[in-house]
Amino acid sequence: MGQVASGQYEAEVFSFAKFARHAFFTQVNRWLVEHLGIEEGWSVVDLACGPGAVTELILQLKKSGQGLIYAVDQSLTELNKARQRIASKLVQFVCGSAEQLSRLVPKVDAVVFCNAIHLIEDKRGVLEEIFKVLRPGGVLGFNTTFFHGAYPEGTASFYKLWVLRAMQRLRSQGVAVIRQAKATAMQWLSPQEFTSLLESVGFRNIQVFTMTVDLPVESLEDISEFSMFIEGALPGVPLPVASQALKEGVRAAAQERGISSLPRNWLQVIARVPA
């Protein structure tokens, strides 16, 4: 399989789409979208739109058919899934990265950035790009469950057990596992660090909320099929092998703990550009 074909295969197979189908995922994203105060005629960027789940939520607010939505993602595979899911003249699909945002879209009234900021290495640079494209008084909303404070009390040890069981399975197959420094997908910030970063870029009226939802074990198996999560949890291990080990590991950990779901905190952040 050639390099391009291999990349397309991995993007298709190791996608975020299965995890995004769970009800709790819609719940946390709908809460954010509905609390941004998006008005009928506003233009909105859905940054890192993935398969279009959040784009749909934004579109539901636009009953009058006014105001464009720019669905932006750097993966053509994910954009194609979003196109298949959404047929609306109000949505324009744009291929590109968050780091290039000001060169991809015009000035807008709101940017929605769901479940992806933890994947960004240069968070300040991306927030500066978002600040550039927002009009005066514009609003940014982002969320993540990969932050310092994501684990409700008593749950952190489960994740350690999960990765331990996955690593044991890999070693039993003769796969070498080297635990390196945290990968980009595991570079977490605290709510206070996010607030300070936003303020340093120029955002004001920053509101920070935490929501707790229950993750069924099935959803943890599904996130084990997402390439960026796999690379963060087991860096350096081939995706198919690491994915299978993570799925087996989470099932084993859940059975040992006797659980079918696990509480998890989601960080919800809303910030505005001064008018």
Protein backbone atom coordinates (compact mmCIF):
# COMPACT_ATOMS: atom_id res chain seq x y z
CA MET A 1 0.00 0.00 0.00
CA GLY A 2 1.49 3.36 -1.02
CA GLN A 3 2.02 6.21 1.44
CA VAL A 4 -0.99 8.23 0.27
CA ALA A 5 -3.25 5.19 0.17
CA SER A 6 -2.02 4.13 3.59
CA GLY A 7 -2.79 7.58 5.02
CA GLN A 8 -6.29 7.53 3.53
CA TYR A 9 -6.87 4.05 4.95
CA GLU A 10 -5.80 5.11 8.44
CA ALA A 11 -7.95 8.27 8.32
CA GLU A 12 -10.97 6.20 7.29
CA VAL A 13 -10.51 3.31 9.70
CA PHE A 14 -9.10 5.17 12.72
CA SER A 15 -11.71 7.90 12.72
CA PHE A 16 -13.44 9.86 15.50
CA ALA A 17 -16.87 9.10 14.02
CA LYS A 18 -17.81 6.09 16.21
CA PHE A 19 -17.08 7.97 19.45
CA ALA A 20 -18.96 11.03 18.17
CA ARG A 21 -22.18 9.01 17.78
CA HIS A 22 -22.68 8.56 21.54
CA ALA A 23 -25.49 10.48 23.26
CA PHE A 24 -23.22 12.13 25.86
CA PHE A 25 -21.09 13.60 23.07
CA THR A 26 -24.13 15.31 21.57
CA GLN A 27 -25.15 16.45 25.05
CA VAL A 28 -21.92 18.30 25.87
CA ASN A 29 -21.64 19.86 22.42
CA ARG A 30 -25.29 20.94 22.29
CA TRP A 31 -24.86 22.64 25.68
CA LEU A 32 -21.94 24.67 24.37
CA VAL A 33 -23.58 25.62 21.07
CA GLU A 34 -26.79 26.69 22.81
CA HIS A 35 -24.96 28.85 25.36
CA LEU A 36 -23.01 30.90 22.81
CA GLY A 37 -25.96 33.12 21.96
CA ILE A 38 -25.67 32.44 18.21
CA GLU A 39 -28.16 34.63 16.34
CA GLU A 40 -29.97 33.87 13.09
CA GLY A 41 -27.85 35.93 10.73
CA TRP A 42 -24.47 35.19 12.30
CA SER A 43 -21.66 33.59 10.37
CA VAL A 44 -20.04 30.76 12.32
CA VAL A 45 -16.93 28.62 12.02
CA ASP A 46 -17.13 25.02 13.17
CA LEU A 47 -13.41 24.44 13.62
CA ALA A 48 -12.17 20.84 13.49
CA CYS A 49 -15.67 19.88 12.39
CA GLY A 50 -14.85 16.20 11.91
CA PRO A 51 -17.80 14.19 10.60
CA GLY A 52 -20.20 17.13 11.05
CA ALA A 53 -21.98 16.33 14.32
CA VAL A 54 -21.45 19.83 15.75
CA THR A 55 -22.12 21.49 12.38
CA GLU A 56 -25.57 19.93 12.52
CA LEU A 57 -26.19 21.38 15.98
CA ILE A 58 -25.22 24.86 14.77
CA LEU A 59 -27.41 24.48 11.68
CA GLN A 60 -30.42 23.67 13.87
CA LEU A 61 -30.20 27.22 15.29
CA LYS A 62 -30.50 28.78 11.83
CA LYS A 63 -34.17 28.34 11.11
CA SER A 64 -34.42 31.46 8.91
CA GLY A 65 -31.80 30.29 6.44
CA GLN A 66 -29.43 33.20 7.05
CA GLY A 67 -25.74 33.28 7.94
CA LEU A 68 -23.10 30.88 6.69
CA ILE A 69 -21.42 28.08 8.60
CA TYR A 70 -17.81 27.31 7.64
CA ALA A 71 -17.09 23.68 8.50
CA VAL A 72 -13.29 23.50 8.69
CA ASP A 73 -11.17 20.38 9.07
CA GLN A 74 -7.72 19.35 7.91
CA SER A 75 -8.88 15.82 7.06
CA LEU A 76 -10.51 15.33 3.66
CA THR A 77 -11.86 12.02 4.92
CA GLU A 78 -13.71 13.71 7.78
CA LEU A 79 -14.94 16.53 5.52
CA ASN A 80 -16.33 13.98 3.07
CA LYS A 81 -18.24 12.34 5.92
CA ALA A 82 -19.61 15.74 6.92
CA ARG A 83 -20.67 16.46 3.32
CA GLN A 84 -22.52 13.15 3.17
CA ARG A 85 -24.24 13.96 6.44
CA ILE A 86 -25.23 17.57 5.74
CA ALA A 87 -26.91 18.99 2.67
CA SER A 88 -27.44 22.72 3.21
CA LYS A 89 -26.60 25.82 1.20
CA LEU A 90 -25.70 27.48 4.51
CA VAL A 91 -22.70 25.19 5.05
CA GLN A 92 -19.39 25.64 3.26
CA PHE A 93 -16.78 22.91 3.75
CA VAL A 94 -13.19 24.11 4.01
CA CYS A 95 -10.09 21.91 4.12
CA GLY A 96 -7.31 23.33 6.27
CA SER A 97 -5.78 23.40 9.71
CA ALA A 98 -6.63 25.52 12.72
CA GLU A 99 -3.19 27.11 12.44
CA GLN A 100 -4.23 28.58 9.05
CA LEU A 101 -7.72 29.73 10.01
CA SER A 102 -7.38 33.42 9.19
CA ARG A 103 -6.35 32.46 5.64
CA LEU A 104 -9.25 30.06 5.20
CA VAL A 105 -12.34 32.02 6.23
CA PRO A 106 -13.55 35.65 6.31
CA LYS A 107 -14.47 37.53 9.48
CA VAL A 108 -17.19 35.73 11.45
CA ASP A 109 -19.36 36.25 14.52
CA ALA A 110 -18.62 32.99 16.32
CA VAL A 111 -16.13 30.13 16.36
CA VAL A 112 -17.06 26.75 17.80
CA PHE A 113 -14.10 24.46 18.53
CA CYS A 114 -15.28 21.21 20.04
CA ASN A 115 -13.15 18.41 21.45
CA ALA A 116 -9.94 19.30 19.66
CA ILE A 117 -7.97 22.01 21.45
CA HIS A 118 -6.05 19.39 23.41
CA LEU A 119 -4.70 18.09 20.09
CA ILE A 120 -3.10 21.45 19.30
CA GLU A 121 0.55 21.85 20.17
CA ASP A 122 0.68 25.64 19.63
CA LYS A 123 -2.51 26.52 21.48
CA ARG A 124 -1.63 30.20 21.72
CA GLY A 125 -1.02 30.42 17.97
CA VAL A 126 -4.39 28.86 17.18
CA LEU A 127 -6.22 31.10 19.66
CA GLU A 128 -4.55 34.10 17.98
CA GLU A 129 -5.86 32.84 14.61
CA ILE A 130 -9.36 32.53 16.07
CA PHE A 131 -9.11 36.03 17.56
CA LYS A 132 -8.16 37.39 14.10
CA VAL A 133 -11.24 35.99 12.38
CA LEU A 134 -13.75 37.06 15.03
CA ARG A 135 -15.48 40.39 14.61
CA PRO A 136 -15.55 42.84 17.55
CA GLY A 137 -17.93 41.35 20.11
CA GLY A 138 -17.52 37.91 18.54
CA VAL A 139 -17.61 34.77 20.66
CA LEU A 140 -15.46 31.66 20.91
CA GLY A 141 -16.73 28.46 22.47
CA PHE A 142 -14.56 25.41 22.97
CA ASN A 143 -14.67 22.26 25.05
CA THR A 144 -12.46 19.31 25.90
CA THR A 145 -12.36 16.31 28.19
CA PHE A 146 -8.55 16.21 28.09
CA PHE A 147 -7.59 18.77 30.73
CA HIS A 148 -6.29 18.82 34.28
CA GLY A 149 -9.46 18.14 36.22
CA ALA A 150 -11.02 15.71 33.73
CA TYR A 151 -11.00 12.79 36.18
CA PRO A 152 -13.66 12.84 38.91
CA GLU A 153 -12.34 11.75 42.29
CA GLY A 154 -11.41 8.08 42.39
CA THR A 155 -11.39 7.49 38.64
CA ALA A 156 -7.79 8.33 37.64
CA SER A 157 -6.54 4.88 38.62
CA PHE A 158 -8.88 3.28 36.07
CA TYR A 159 -7.08 4.94 33.18
CA LYS A 160 -3.71 3.81 34.51
CA LEU A 161 -5.04 0.26 34.79
CA TRP A 162 -6.44 0.48 31.25
CA VAL A 163 -3.10 1.47 29.72
CA LEU A 164 -1.26 -1.08 31.89
CA ARG A 165 -3.47 -3.91 30.65
CA ALA A 166 -3.05 -2.71 27.06
CA MET A 167 0.74 -2.65 27.45
CA GLN A 168 0.73 -6.14 28.97
CA ARG A 169 -1.16 -7.43 25.94
CA LEU A 170 1.33 -5.82 23.59
CA ARG A 171 4.28 -7.28 25.46
CA SER A 172 2.68 -10.73 25.42
CA GLN A 173 2.70 -10.40 21.62
CA GLY A 174 6.35 -9.38 21.57
CA VAL A 175 5.58 -5.72 20.82
CA ALA A 176 8.03 -3.35 22.51
CA VAL A 177 6.37 -0.45 24.32
CA ILE A 178 8.37 2.60 25.32
CA ARG A 179 6.51 5.12 27.45
CA GLN A 180 7.76 8.43 26.15
CA ALA A 181 6.92 12.02 27.06
CA LYS A 182 3.27 12.83 26.54
CA ALA A 183 2.28 13.07 22.89
CA THR A 184 0.57 16.20 21.55
CA ALA A 185 -2.85 14.69 22.18
CA MET A 186 -1.96 14.33 25.87
CA GLN A 187 -0.67 17.86 26.52
CA TRP A 188 -3.32 19.03 28.96
CA LEU A 189 -3.92 22.43 30.57
CA SER A 190 -5.86 23.36 33.68
CA PRO A 191 -8.94 25.62 33.51
CA GLN A 192 -6.82 28.40 35.03
CA GLU A 193 -4.13 27.94 32.38
CA PHE A 194 -6.74 28.12 29.61
CA THR A 195 -8.15 31.32 31.15
CA SER A 196 -4.72 32.94 31.36
CA LEU A 197 -3.93 31.95 27.79
CA LEU A 198 -7.18 33.41 26.48
CA GLU A 199 -6.58 36.66 28.36
CA SER A 200 -3.05 36.95 26.98
CA VAL A 201 -4.41 36.70 23.43
CA GLY A 202 -6.99 39.45 24.08
CA PHE A 203 -10.21 37.58 24.93
CA ARG A 204 -12.41 38.93 27.70
CA ASN A 205 -15.60 37.91 29.57
CA ILE A 206 -14.24 34.39 29.92
CA GLN A 207 -16.64 31.85 31.40
CA VAL A 208 -15.51 28.37 32.43
CA PHE A 209 -17.89 25.52 33.25
CA THR A 210 -17.43 21.84 34.04
CA MET A 211 -19.97 19.15 33.10
CA THR A 212 -19.87 15.57 34.31
CA VAL A 213 -21.17 12.82 32.04
CA ASP A 214 -21.09 9.03 32.18
CA LEU A 215 -18.98 7.29 29.55
CA PRO A 216 -20.14 3.74 28.80
CA VAL A 217 -17.29 1.26 28.41
CA GLU A 218 -18.37 0.84 24.78
CA SER A 219 -17.48 4.49 24.15
CA LEU A 220 -13.99 3.91 25.57
CA GLU A 221 -13.60 1.05 23.11
CA ASP A 222 -14.71 3.42 20.35
CA ILE A 223 -12.18 6.13 21.30
CA SER A 224 -9.59 3.35 21.12
CA GLU A 225 -10.18 3.37 17.36
CA PHE A 226 -9.32 7.08 16.97
CA SER A 227 -5.82 7.62 15.63
CA MET A 228 -4.91 10.68 17.71
CA PHE A 229 -6.06 9.05 20.94
CA ILE A 230 -4.13 5.89 20.11
CA GLU A 231 -0.97 7.85 19.38
CA GLY A 232 -1.33 9.72 22.66
CA ALA A 233 -1.94 6.61 24.75
CA LEU A 234 0.57 4.28 23.09
CA PRO A 235 2.99 6.42 21.07
CA GLY A 236 5.16 4.59 18.57
CA VAL A 237 3.00 1.45 18.33
CA PRO A 238 1.39 0.72 14.90
CA LEU A 239 -2.22 1.89 14.93
CA PRO A 240 -3.96 -1.46 14.24
CA VAL A 241 -1.96 -3.25 16.94
CA ALA A 242 -2.27 -0.43 19.49
CA SER A 243 -6.01 -0.01 18.84
CA GLN A 244 -6.72 -3.67 19.47
CA ALA A 245 -4.60 -3.66 22.64
CA LEU A 246 -6.45 -0.59 23.97
CA LYS A 247 -9.84 -2.17 23.31
CA GLU A 248 -8.83 -5.38 25.04
CA GLY A 249 -7.22 -3.38 27.83
CA VAL A 250 -10.31 -1.30 28.60
CA ARG A 251 -12.54 -4.37 28.61
CA ALA A 252 -10.18 -6.10 31.04
CA ALA A 253 -9.93 -3.04 33.30
CA ALA A 254 -13.71 -2.60 33.34
CA GLN A 255 -14.21 -6.25 34.23
CA GLU A 256 -11.66 -6.05 37.04
CA ARG A 257 -13.36 -2.96 38.48
CA GLY A 258 -16.85 -4.32 37.87
CA ILE A 259 -18.07 -1.22 36.01
CA SER A 260 -20.08 -0.62 32.86
CA SER A 261 -19.55 3.17 32.73
CA LEU A 262 -17.23 5.81 34.12
CA PRO A 263 -17.88 9.47 35.03
CA ARG A 264 -15.80 12.05 33.16
CA ASN A 265 -15.60 15.84 33.35
CA TRP A 266 -15.91 18.05 30.27
CA LEU A 267 -14.52 21.57 30.28
CA GLN A 268 -16.74 24.16 28.58
CA VAL A 269 -15.24 27.58 27.85
CA ILE A 270 -16.85 30.71 26.39
CA ALA A 271 -14.81 33.85 25.65
CA ARG A 272 -15.47 37.09 23.77
CA VAL A 273 -13.54 39.57 21.67
CA PRO A 274 -13.96 43.09 23.08
CA ALA A 275 -16.63 45.04 21.19
